[in-house]
Amino acid sequence: MIYVGQTGSGKRKLFSRLKAHTRDVLANRWDHFSWFGLRRPISNGNLSTEKLRTSAGMATALNHIEAVLISAAEPALNKQGGRFGKNAKRFLQIRDDRLGPTESEMIRQLWAERHER
């Protein structure tokens, strides 16, 4: 983990934040990311509308913070997964192949080509 940030509370949304990080001091230091949201995806692929007022008790808030940190950092000694709550859903995002090969894939290919000689 090299960076933790927040988006969604102002005009800057996730895509614009990620795009900015491809040109700032974080550029070339990351090739994937994880995100955790409070809004659910709906059938058309968009996110549900924002609820202006939400609240959670201290125990629920602490469980969610712990769950996000465990999921993001994947610490070796945490055998128990995070406790997001019974209504939480996990969505896996798939990398778009139109982006071309990842840095890791390019390195593996170069390594293989070098060792074929």
Protein backbone atom coordinates (compact mmCIF):
# COMPACT_ATOMS: atom_id res chain seq x y z
CA MET A 1 0.00 0.00 0.00
CA ILE A 2 1.47 3.34 -1.00
CA TYR A 3 -1.46 5.75 -0.80
CA VAL A 4 -4.88 6.13 0.77
CA GLY A 5 -7.29 8.78 -0.47
CA GLN A 6 -10.92 9.80 -0.47
CA THR A 7 -13.27 10.91 -3.21
CA GLY A 8 -16.96 11.51 -3.76
CA SER A 9 -17.73 14.24 -1.26
CA GLY A 10 -16.94 17.07 -3.68
CA LYS A 11 -16.90 17.53 -7.42
CA ARG A 12 -13.88 15.27 -7.98
CA LYS A 13 -14.97 11.70 -8.57
CA LEU A 14 -12.95 8.49 -8.59
CA PHE A 15 -11.95 8.57 -12.26
CA SER A 16 -10.63 12.14 -12.10
CA ARG A 17 -8.66 11.34 -8.93
CA LEU A 18 -7.08 8.26 -10.54
CA LYS A 19 -6.30 10.19 -13.72
CA ALA A 20 -4.62 12.95 -11.69
CA HIS A 21 -2.48 10.36 -9.92
CA THR A 22 -1.10 9.20 -13.27
CA ARG A 23 0.56 12.64 -13.63
CA ASP A 24 1.54 13.58 -10.06
CA VAL A 25 4.15 12.30 -7.57
CA LEU A 26 2.35 8.92 -7.47
CA ALA A 27 2.72 8.34 -11.22
CA ASN A 28 4.57 5.09 -12.02
CA ARG A 29 4.28 3.93 -8.40
CA TRP A 30 1.05 1.97 -8.84
CA ASP A 31 -0.54 -0.33 -11.40
CA HIS A 32 -3.76 -1.31 -9.61
CA PHE A 33 -6.08 0.02 -6.95
CA SER A 34 -8.88 -1.03 -4.62
CA TRP A 35 -11.88 1.06 -3.80
CA PHE A 36 -14.56 0.79 -1.15
CA GLY A 37 -17.86 2.57 -1.60
CA LEU A 38 -20.96 3.42 0.34
CA ARG A 39 -23.32 3.39 -2.64
CA ARG A 40 -24.50 0.23 -4.36
CA PRO A 41 -24.28 -0.47 -8.11
CA ILE A 42 -27.64 -0.52 -9.88
CA SER A 43 -28.68 -2.48 -12.96
CA ASN A 44 -27.59 0.14 -15.54
CA GLY A 45 -24.01 0.08 -14.19
CA ASN A 46 -24.27 3.39 -12.36
CA LEU A 47 -24.17 3.84 -8.61
CA SER A 48 -27.27 4.46 -6.53
CA THR A 49 -28.05 8.02 -5.54
CA GLU A 50 -26.25 9.50 -2.57
CA LYS A 51 -28.09 9.53 0.70
CA LEU A 52 -27.50 12.89 2.26
CA ARG A 53 -27.82 11.64 5.80
CA THR A 54 -26.42 8.36 6.99
CA SER A 55 -25.53 7.24 10.44
CA ALA A 56 -24.05 4.20 12.10
CA GLY A 57 -23.32 3.29 15.66
CA MET A 58 -19.76 3.24 16.95
CA ALA A 59 -19.48 -0.58 16.76
CA THR A 60 -20.67 -0.64 13.12
CA ALA A 61 -18.37 2.21 12.09
CA LEU A 62 -15.37 0.55 13.76
CA ASN A 63 -16.18 -2.80 12.13
CA HIS A 64 -16.33 -1.15 8.70
CA ILE A 65 -13.07 0.76 9.17
CA GLU A 66 -11.36 -2.44 10.35
CA ALA A 67 -12.83 -4.41 7.42
CA VAL A 68 -11.59 -1.88 4.85
CA LEU A 69 -8.10 -1.85 6.35
CA ILE A 70 -7.91 -5.67 6.47
CA SER A 71 -9.18 -5.96 2.89
CA ALA A 72 -6.80 -3.32 1.56
CA ALA A 73 -3.63 -4.26 3.46
CA GLU A 74 -4.14 -8.05 3.58
CA PRO A 75 -2.03 -8.41 6.75
CA ALA A 76 -0.58 -11.91 7.10
CA LEU A 77 -1.60 -12.36 10.74
CA ASN A 78 -5.29 -11.48 10.27
CA LYS A 79 -6.99 -14.86 9.84
CA GLN A 80 -10.48 -13.36 10.22
CA GLY A 81 -11.77 -11.32 7.32
CA GLY A 82 -13.35 -7.93 7.75
CA ARG A 83 -16.85 -7.52 9.17
CA PHE A 84 -18.64 -5.33 6.65
CA GLY A 85 -22.09 -6.35 7.83
CA LYS A 86 -24.81 -8.61 6.48
CA ASN A 87 -25.97 -6.19 3.75
CA ALA A 88 -22.52 -5.57 2.27
CA LYS A 89 -21.80 -6.94 -1.20
CA ARG A 90 -18.44 -7.54 -2.84
CA PHE A 91 -17.92 -6.65 -6.48
CA LEU A 92 -14.75 -7.58 -8.32
CA GLN A 93 -13.70 -5.11 -10.96
CA ILE A 94 -12.22 -6.58 -14.13
CA ARG A 95 -9.36 -4.88 -15.92
CA ASP A 96 -10.26 -3.62 -19.39
CA ASP A 97 -8.06 -5.39 -21.97
CA ARG A 98 -8.09 -2.24 -24.13
CA LEU A 99 -5.58 -0.79 -21.64
CA GLY A 100 -2.91 -3.10 -23.07
CA PRO A 101 -0.46 -5.18 -21.06
CA THR A 102 0.24 -4.32 -17.44
CA GLU A 103 3.74 -3.43 -16.31
CA SER A 104 4.03 -6.88 -14.68
CA GLU A 105 3.00 -8.61 -17.90
CA MET A 106 5.55 -6.60 -19.90
CA ILE A 107 8.33 -7.48 -17.44
CA ARG A 108 7.41 -11.20 -17.57
CA GLN A 109 7.46 -11.08 -21.37
CA LEU A 110 10.87 -9.36 -21.45
CA TRP A 111 12.24 -11.86 -18.94
CA ALA A 112 10.96 -14.81 -20.97
CA GLU A 113 12.39 -13.40 -24.21
CA ARG A 114 15.77 -12.81 -22.57
CA HIS A 115 15.95 -16.37 -21.24
CA GLU A 116 14.92 -17.97 -24.54
CA ARG A 117 18.23 -16.96 -26.12
